[in-house]
Amino acid sequence: QVHLVESGGGSVQAGGSLRLSCAASGRTFGTFFMGWFRQAPGKKREFVAAIVSDGRISDVANSVKGRFTISRDNTKNTIDLQMNSLKPEDPAVYYCASGGVLTKNTEGITYWGKGTLVTVSS
């Protein structure tokens, strides 16, 4: 069992930055892929970014490429999502996710955090 807790959400003006963090506890942190998904009101939950267990491979959605960066620290059991140049289309609840293999599909996720809200004002 893996327990995920997000932090760092909040409100920011368009063009601003936020850094989300996810703390994991439970099973050996380094054996799982970790990632971020987001869900805006009335929309499906969508992939944002993911990183494999050793941190050597990561991927981000095209919609955030060049603006968002994912990183992980296995010594602290944390992953971060640095979000720069936030746009009006970025507001959503951002969920930390974990699974056995890197995936962009919600069906492949084994564990979810409860989410943290990000709002962007224009």
C-alpha atoms as a PDB file:
ATOM      1  CA  GLN A   1       0.000   0.000   0.000  1.00  0.00           C
ATOM      2  CA  VAL A   2       1.235   3.481  -0.902  1.00  0.00           C
ATOM      3  CA  HIS A   3      -0.140   6.621   0.716  1.00  0.00           C
ATOM      4  CA  LEU A   4       0.238   9.857  -1.272  1.00  0.00           C
ATOM      5  CA  VAL A   5      -0.223  13.378   0.098  1.00  0.00           C
ATOM      6  CA  GLU A   6      -0.036  16.453  -2.112  1.00  0.00           C
ATOM      7  CA  SER A   7       0.836  19.980  -1.065  1.00  0.00           C
ATOM      8  CA  GLY A   8       1.657  23.313  -2.646  1.00  0.00           C
ATOM      9  CA  GLY A   9      -1.546  24.142  -4.452  1.00  0.00           C
ATOM     10  CA  GLY A  10      -2.963  27.619  -4.375  1.00  0.00           C
ATOM     11  CA  SER A  11      -3.858  30.636  -6.411  1.00  0.00           C
ATOM     12  CA  VAL A  12      -1.509  32.473  -8.725  1.00  0.00           C
ATOM     13  CA  GLN A  13      -1.782  35.033 -11.467  1.00  0.00           C
ATOM     14  CA  ALA A  14      -1.365  33.997 -15.068  1.00  0.00           C
ATOM     15  CA  GLY A  15       2.306  33.808 -15.894  1.00  0.00           C
ATOM     16  CA  GLY A  16       3.197  32.944 -12.335  1.00  0.00           C
ATOM     17  CA  SER A  17       4.669  29.800 -10.821  1.00  0.00           C
ATOM     18  CA  LEU A  18       3.735  27.174  -8.282  1.00  0.00           C
ATOM     19  CA  ARG A  19       5.531  24.118  -7.001  1.00  0.00           C
ATOM     20  CA  LEU A  20       3.536  21.067  -6.037  1.00  0.00           C
ATOM     21  CA  SER A  21       4.949  18.334  -3.857  1.00  0.00           C
ATOM     22  CA  CYS A  22       3.811  14.810  -3.153  1.00  0.00           C
ATOM     23  CA  ALA A  23       4.992  12.825  -0.172  1.00  0.00           C
ATOM     24  CA  ALA A  24       4.733   9.066  -0.382  1.00  0.00           C
ATOM     25  CA  SER A  25       4.700   6.564   2.418  1.00  0.00           C
ATOM     26  CA  GLY A  26       4.128   2.865   2.686  1.00  0.00           C
ATOM     27  CA  ARG A  27       5.771   0.448   0.298  1.00  0.00           C
ATOM     28  CA  THR A  28       9.300   1.012  -1.008  1.00  0.00           C
ATOM     29  CA  PHE A  29       9.071   4.333  -2.771  1.00  0.00           C
ATOM     30  CA  GLY A  30      11.747   3.652  -5.354  1.00  0.00           C
ATOM     31  CA  THR A  31      10.007   0.727  -6.954  1.00  0.00           C
ATOM     32  CA  PHE A  32       7.069   2.692  -8.355  1.00  0.00           C
ATOM     33  CA  PHE A  33       6.616   5.195 -11.126  1.00  0.00           C
ATOM     34  CA  MET A  34       5.179   8.478  -9.864  1.00  0.00           C
ATOM     35  CA  GLY A  35       3.248  11.118 -11.692  1.00  0.00           C
ATOM     36  CA  TRP A  36       0.768  13.966 -11.761  1.00  0.00           C
ATOM     37  CA  PHE A  37      -2.662  14.116 -13.282  1.00  0.00           C
ATOM     38  CA  ARG A  38      -5.154  16.944 -13.215  1.00  0.00           C
ATOM     39  CA  GLN A  39      -8.883  17.324 -13.471  1.00  0.00           C
ATOM     40  CA  ALA A  40     -10.708  20.534 -14.267  1.00  0.00           C
ATOM     41  CA  PRO A  41     -14.434  20.924 -13.551  1.00  0.00           C
ATOM     42  CA  GLY A  42     -16.512  19.034 -16.092  1.00  0.00           C
ATOM     43  CA  LYS A  43     -13.487  17.422 -17.699  1.00  0.00           C
ATOM     44  CA  LYS A  44     -11.840  14.047 -17.518  1.00  0.00           C
ATOM     45  CA  ARG A  45      -8.759  13.511 -15.423  1.00  0.00           C
ATOM     46  CA  GLU A  46      -5.728  13.931 -17.671  1.00  0.00           C
ATOM     47  CA  PHE A  47      -2.054  13.122 -17.613  1.00  0.00           C
ATOM     48  CA  VAL A  48       0.354  15.935 -16.739  1.00  0.00           C
ATOM     49  CA  ALA A  49       3.749  14.419 -15.985  1.00  0.00           C
ATOM     50  CA  ALA A  50       5.417  11.225 -14.838  1.00  0.00           C
ATOM     51  CA  ILE A  51       8.814   9.972 -13.796  1.00  0.00           C
ATOM     52  CA  VAL A  52      10.163   6.465 -13.418  1.00  0.00           C
ATOM     53  CA  SER A  53      11.507   4.996 -10.228  1.00  0.00           C
ATOM     54  CA  ASP A  54      15.172   5.885 -10.761  1.00  0.00           C
ATOM     55  CA  GLY A  55      14.339   9.336 -12.091  1.00  0.00           C
ATOM     56  CA  ARG A  56      16.170   8.849 -15.395  1.00  0.00           C
ATOM     57  CA  ILE A  57      13.090   8.916 -17.573  1.00  0.00           C
ATOM     58  CA  SER A  58      10.295  11.437 -17.346  1.00  0.00           C
ATOM     59  CA  ASP A  59       7.531  12.669 -19.575  1.00  0.00           C
ATOM     60  CA  VAL A  60       5.177  15.609 -19.613  1.00  0.00           C
ATOM     61  CA  ALA A  61       2.009  16.298 -21.543  1.00  0.00           C
ATOM     62  CA  ASN A  62       2.316  18.399 -24.680  1.00  0.00           C
ATOM     63  CA  SER A  63       0.051  21.016 -23.131  1.00  0.00           C
ATOM     64  CA  VAL A  64       2.583  21.741 -20.378  1.00  0.00           C
ATOM     65  CA  LYS A  65       5.836  20.916 -22.134  1.00  0.00           C
ATOM     66  CA  GLY A  66       8.427  23.614 -21.618  1.00  0.00           C
ATOM     67  CA  ARG A  67       6.521  25.005 -18.625  1.00  0.00           C
ATOM     68  CA  PHE A  68       6.209  22.127 -16.136  1.00  0.00           C
ATOM     69  CA  THR A  69       9.017  19.970 -14.804  1.00  0.00           C
ATOM     70  CA  ILE A  70       8.725  16.830 -12.725  1.00  0.00           C
ATOM     71  CA  SER A  71      11.406  15.626 -10.349  1.00  0.00           C
ATOM     72  CA  ARG A  72      11.750  13.080  -7.591  1.00  0.00           C
ATOM     73  CA  ASP A  73      13.912  12.509  -4.546  1.00  0.00           C
ATOM     74  CA  ASN A  74      13.919   8.885  -3.491  1.00  0.00           C
ATOM     75  CA  THR A  75      15.831   9.722  -0.311  1.00  0.00           C
ATOM     76  CA  LYS A  76      12.908  11.865   0.828  1.00  0.00           C
ATOM     77  CA  ASN A  77      10.132   9.843  -0.800  1.00  0.00           C
ATOM     78  CA  THR A  78       8.877  12.918  -2.630  1.00  0.00           C
ATOM     79  CA  ILE A  79       8.113  14.090  -6.122  1.00  0.00           C
ATOM     80  CA  ASP A  80       7.680  17.692  -7.182  1.00  0.00           C
ATOM     81  CA  LEU A  81       5.986  19.430 -10.060  1.00  0.00           C
ATOM     82  CA  GLN A  82       7.430  22.828 -10.867  1.00  0.00           C
ATOM     83  CA  MET A  83       4.836  24.788 -12.797  1.00  0.00           C
ATOM     84  CA  ASN A  84       5.972  27.942 -14.554  1.00  0.00           C
ATOM     85  CA  SER A  85       4.200  30.334 -16.890  1.00  0.00           C
ATOM     86  CA  LEU A  86       0.822  29.190 -15.650  1.00  0.00           C
ATOM     87  CA  LYS A  87      -2.025  29.795 -18.049  1.00  0.00           C
ATOM     88  CA  PRO A  88      -5.771  30.256 -17.610  1.00  0.00           C
ATOM     89  CA  GLU A  89      -6.265  26.696 -18.917  1.00  0.00           C
ATOM     90  CA  ASP A  90      -4.111  25.151 -16.169  1.00  0.00           C
ATOM     91  CA  PRO A  91      -6.492  25.450 -13.184  1.00  0.00           C
ATOM     92  CA  ALA A  92      -7.563  22.073 -11.882  1.00  0.00           C
ATOM     93  CA  VAL A  93      -7.249  19.704  -9.004  1.00  0.00           C
ATOM     94  CA  TYR A  94      -3.822  18.159  -9.351  1.00  0.00           C
ATOM     95  CA  TYR A  95      -3.472  14.563  -8.221  1.00  0.00           C
ATOM     96  CA  CYS A  96      -0.347  12.679  -7.324  1.00  0.00           C
ATOM     97  CA  ALA A  97      -0.376   9.163  -8.729  1.00  0.00           C
ATOM     98  CA  SER A  98       1.663   6.007  -8.501  1.00  0.00           C
ATOM     99  CA  GLY A  99       1.729   2.737 -10.360  1.00  0.00           C
ATOM    100  CA  GLY A 100       3.812  -0.233 -11.356  1.00  0.00           C
ATOM    101  CA  VAL A 101       4.772   1.068 -14.812  1.00  0.00           C
ATOM    102  CA  LEU A 102       4.868   4.503 -16.363  1.00  0.00           C
ATOM    103  CA  THR A 103       1.513   5.285 -17.905  1.00  0.00           C
ATOM    104  CA  LYS A 104      -0.462   8.246 -19.143  1.00  0.00           C
ATOM    105  CA  ASN A 105      -3.754   6.491 -18.575  1.00  0.00           C
ATOM    106  CA  THR A 106      -5.750   6.785 -15.382  1.00  0.00           C
ATOM    107  CA  GLU A 107      -6.622   3.101 -15.702  1.00  0.00           C
ATOM    108  CA  GLY A 108      -2.987   2.214 -15.111  1.00  0.00           C
ATOM    109  CA  ILE A 109      -2.738   4.050 -11.813  1.00  0.00           C
ATOM    110  CA  THR A 110      -2.711   2.008  -8.649  1.00  0.00           C
ATOM    111  CA  TYR A 111      -2.630   4.738  -6.017  1.00  0.00           C
ATOM    112  CA  TRP A 112      -3.993   8.276  -5.961  1.00  0.00           C
ATOM    113  CA  GLY A 113      -3.569  11.183  -3.629  1.00  0.00           C
ATOM    114  CA  LYS A 114      -6.557  13.295  -2.633  1.00  0.00           C
ATOM    115  CA  GLY A 115      -5.509  16.197  -4.813  1.00  0.00           C
ATOM    116  CA  THR A 116      -4.532  19.823  -4.410  1.00  0.00           C
ATOM    117  CA  LEU A 117      -6.300  22.740  -6.063  1.00  0.00           C
ATOM    118  CA  VAL A 118      -4.532  25.115  -8.412  1.00  0.00           C
ATOM    119  CA  THR A 119      -6.265  28.271  -9.572  1.00  0.00           C
ATOM    120  CA  VAL A 120      -4.959  30.835 -12.030  1.00  0.00           C
ATOM    121  CA  SER A 121      -6.314  34.344 -12.258  1.00  0.00           C
ATOM    122  CA  SER A 122      -5.975  36.446 -15.368  1.00  0.00           C
END
